[in-house]
Protein backbone atom coordinates (compact mmCIF):
# COMPACT_ATOMS: atom_id res chain seq x y z
CA MET A 1 8.64 4.55 0.72
CA LEU A 2 7.62 7.83 2.04
CA GLY A 3 4.50 7.89 4.52
CA SER A 4 5.20 3.84 4.99
CA PHE A 5 3.35 2.47 8.13
CA GLU A 6 3.39 -1.32 8.90
CA TYR A 7 2.11 -3.68 11.74
CA LYS A 8 2.09 -6.84 12.65
CA LEU A 9 0.10 -8.62 15.51
CA ASP A 10 1.01 -12.10 16.75
CA GLY A 11 -0.39 -14.12 19.39
CA ASN A 12 -3.61 -14.22 21.00
CA GLY A 13 -5.19 -13.97 24.55
CA ASP A 14 -2.83 -12.58 27.15
CA ALA A 15 0.40 -13.05 25.00
CA LEU A 16 0.45 -10.58 22.26
CA ALA A 17 3.25 -8.95 20.60
CA LEU A 18 3.09 -5.91 18.28
CA ASP A 19 5.52 -5.14 15.63
CA ILE A 20 5.47 -1.71 13.83
CA LYS A 21 7.30 -0.45 11.25
CA LEU A 22 7.43 3.35 9.90
CA ASP A 23 9.55 5.65 8.50
CA SER A 24 10.03 9.03 9.93
CA VAL A 25 7.26 10.97 8.20
CA SER A 26 4.91 8.47 9.92
CA ALA A 27 6.55 8.65 13.06
CA LYS A 28 6.30 12.38 13.23
CA ALA A 29 2.61 12.42 12.25
CA LEU A 30 1.95 10.31 15.00
CA ALA A 31 3.82 12.24 17.29
CA ARG A 32 1.78 15.58 16.02
CA LEU A 33 -1.32 13.65 16.54
CA ASP A 34 -0.56 13.48 20.56
CA ARG A 35 -1.34 17.38 20.69
CA TYR A 36 -4.78 16.80 19.23
CA ILE A 37 -5.89 14.38 21.73
CA SER A 38 -7.20 15.42 24.92
CA TRP A 39 -5.83 13.09 27.15
CA PRO A 40 -7.12 14.33 30.42
CA ASP A 41 -10.81 13.69 28.64
CA ILE A 42 -9.66 10.04 27.62
CA LEU A 43 -8.79 9.69 31.30
CA LYS A 44 -11.85 10.75 32.60
CA LEU A 45 -13.77 8.55 30.45
CA THR A 46 -11.89 5.52 31.40
CA GLU A 47 -11.96 6.39 35.21
CA ASN A 48 -13.92 3.08 35.62
CA ASP A 49 -11.69 1.12 33.38
CA PRO A 50 -7.95 1.17 35.03
CA GLU A 51 -6.93 -1.20 32.58
CA ALA A 52 -7.77 1.11 29.76
CA ALA A 53 -6.76 4.08 31.53
CA LYS A 54 -3.10 2.48 32.12
CA ALA A 55 -3.18 1.95 28.25
CA ALA A 56 -4.16 5.21 27.30
CA GLU A 57 -1.55 6.72 29.81
CA ARG A 58 1.30 4.23 27.84
CA LEU A 59 -0.11 5.17 24.31
CA HIS A 60 0.56 8.75 25.14
CA THR A 61 4.23 8.27 26.81
CA VAL A 62 4.86 6.19 23.33
CA LEU A 63 3.54 9.19 21.00
CA GLN A 64 5.37 11.63 23.39
CA HIS A 65 9.01 9.56 22.83
CA MET A 66 8.38 9.34 18.99
CA GLY A 67 8.25 13.25 18.97
CA GLN A 68 11.90 13.50 20.45
């Protein structure tokens, strides 16, 4: 199915598992989305929230890898 994107989130609290299934069209679209996000602005906004800043950095890394 063209443009398919499914996810499943299991668990609660500190024990979460995220399973994402997507086709190459959706993967490429997410990788392109990375170019439109102002990561320096995100990190500036999260400077008082270290967990959110770390999550933003990880998301940025994932999106970059999807584009390779």
